[in-house]
Amino acid sequence: MNRGKQSAFMNWAKSRPPVKYDLALSGILNLPIAELEFDPKQLELHGQNAYGYTPLVEALASHRHVSSENVVTVSGGTSMANHLAMAGLIEDGDEILIEQPAYDPLLAVGHYLGATIKRFPRTFEDGFRIDLAALKKQISNNTRLIVLTNLHNPSSALVEEETLRNIGDLARNVGARVLVDEVYLEAMFEEAPLPAVLLGPEFVVTSSLTKGYGLSGLRCGWIFAEPALANKIRRLDDIFGASAALVMEQLSVIAISQLQKFAARAKLILDTNRRTLNSFLQTRDDIDAVPTKLGTTLFPRLSGIDVESFCALLVEKYETSVVPGRFFESPQHVRIGLCCEPENFHAGIERFGQALDEFKQEKIER
């Protein structure tokens, strides 16, 4: 468990060596700016955006079918949105429940804010679904926040609406809130369910444009919350971000108007790479995976090997990278991202298999 005030995963992600076949990416391959159609004369360096650039607030509200008064815009993507939301929801020493396995920065933020952290399981054996009975056992009258991801990071498992409603009921009974990081729902495009904030005032949602469309450079994030809480969070951001870069907000508005085009590109990448991955998995009896038709990642289990050493071999000899499962508290797993160019993904998956065969053969020979 991460008990420090740093994210080991983010440090790894930012400092890892570049590779030719990058299967560690969890966001769609970045778009070149030439794909974003705009006239530079549309942009201004300065303007009215003190508590949210109104065109962006309205664009996000329309995009996810919420009211403008629910929207808090965040520069810094979902990571900053999670930080800001949690800072607005808990006090030092508050008890919070976070899913396990979890995205490392969610744990790091909880520790940074001084929370008392308890966990609830999302197990491989249960398809990474949320076990409501197990969650209920962890809730107490001291619980102030329940934190989960939907789609689940790292497995891409979907949390169904009925489960979310049940979690909301459990939270309401003890006076807690539910924070749902929905960034990977963006990779469901037009099939994405409505944001959980519409299920009741207990729910707070974070998300961004960073994963589903190749727009990570805009760092366009958001929080959806009931109006009074949304206003509290806006005021809290006075001491974090003060105000966002207007040019990036203007570009985000332009990008949102073109999401259908970007989604078509992303779906082609994901569908092609998912077929490649599923075909590969059918040829292997040494990789256990929970299949998914959704999201940008898969979280298979590699039993009986030293995953860290295998990942090192994969990088050093095969120029291919995946995310070691230790960053998600699951050392026998790896996270595979389906986000790079299909040609490179196909080659990377072939190398993944070759490296696994070599690693197992060397183990036998030793």
Foldseek 3Di string as FASTA:
>chain_A
DDLALDQPVVVCVVPPDAFLQEQADQAFAADDCVVQDDDPVLDDQDDDQQFHDVLLLVLVCVQQVHDSLQKGKDQQFQLVVLLLLVLLQDAAAFEEEEEALAQRSNVSSCSVRNYDYDYFYQDVVNLRAGDVVRVLVPDDLRYAEYEAEACHPPARNHHDPVNLLSVLVSQVVSNHAYEYEDAQLVLVPPPRDRDCQVSDQSYKYKYAPCGRQSHVVLSIIIMGHPNVSSVSSSVVCCVPPSGDRRRSSSSVSSCSVVRVVSNVVRCVLQVLLLVLVVVLVVVDPQKAWSDDPGGFKTKIFGPDAQQVVLQVCCCPPVSYHWAQCVSSVRRRITITTSHYGSVSSNSSSVSSVVSVVVRVVVVVVD
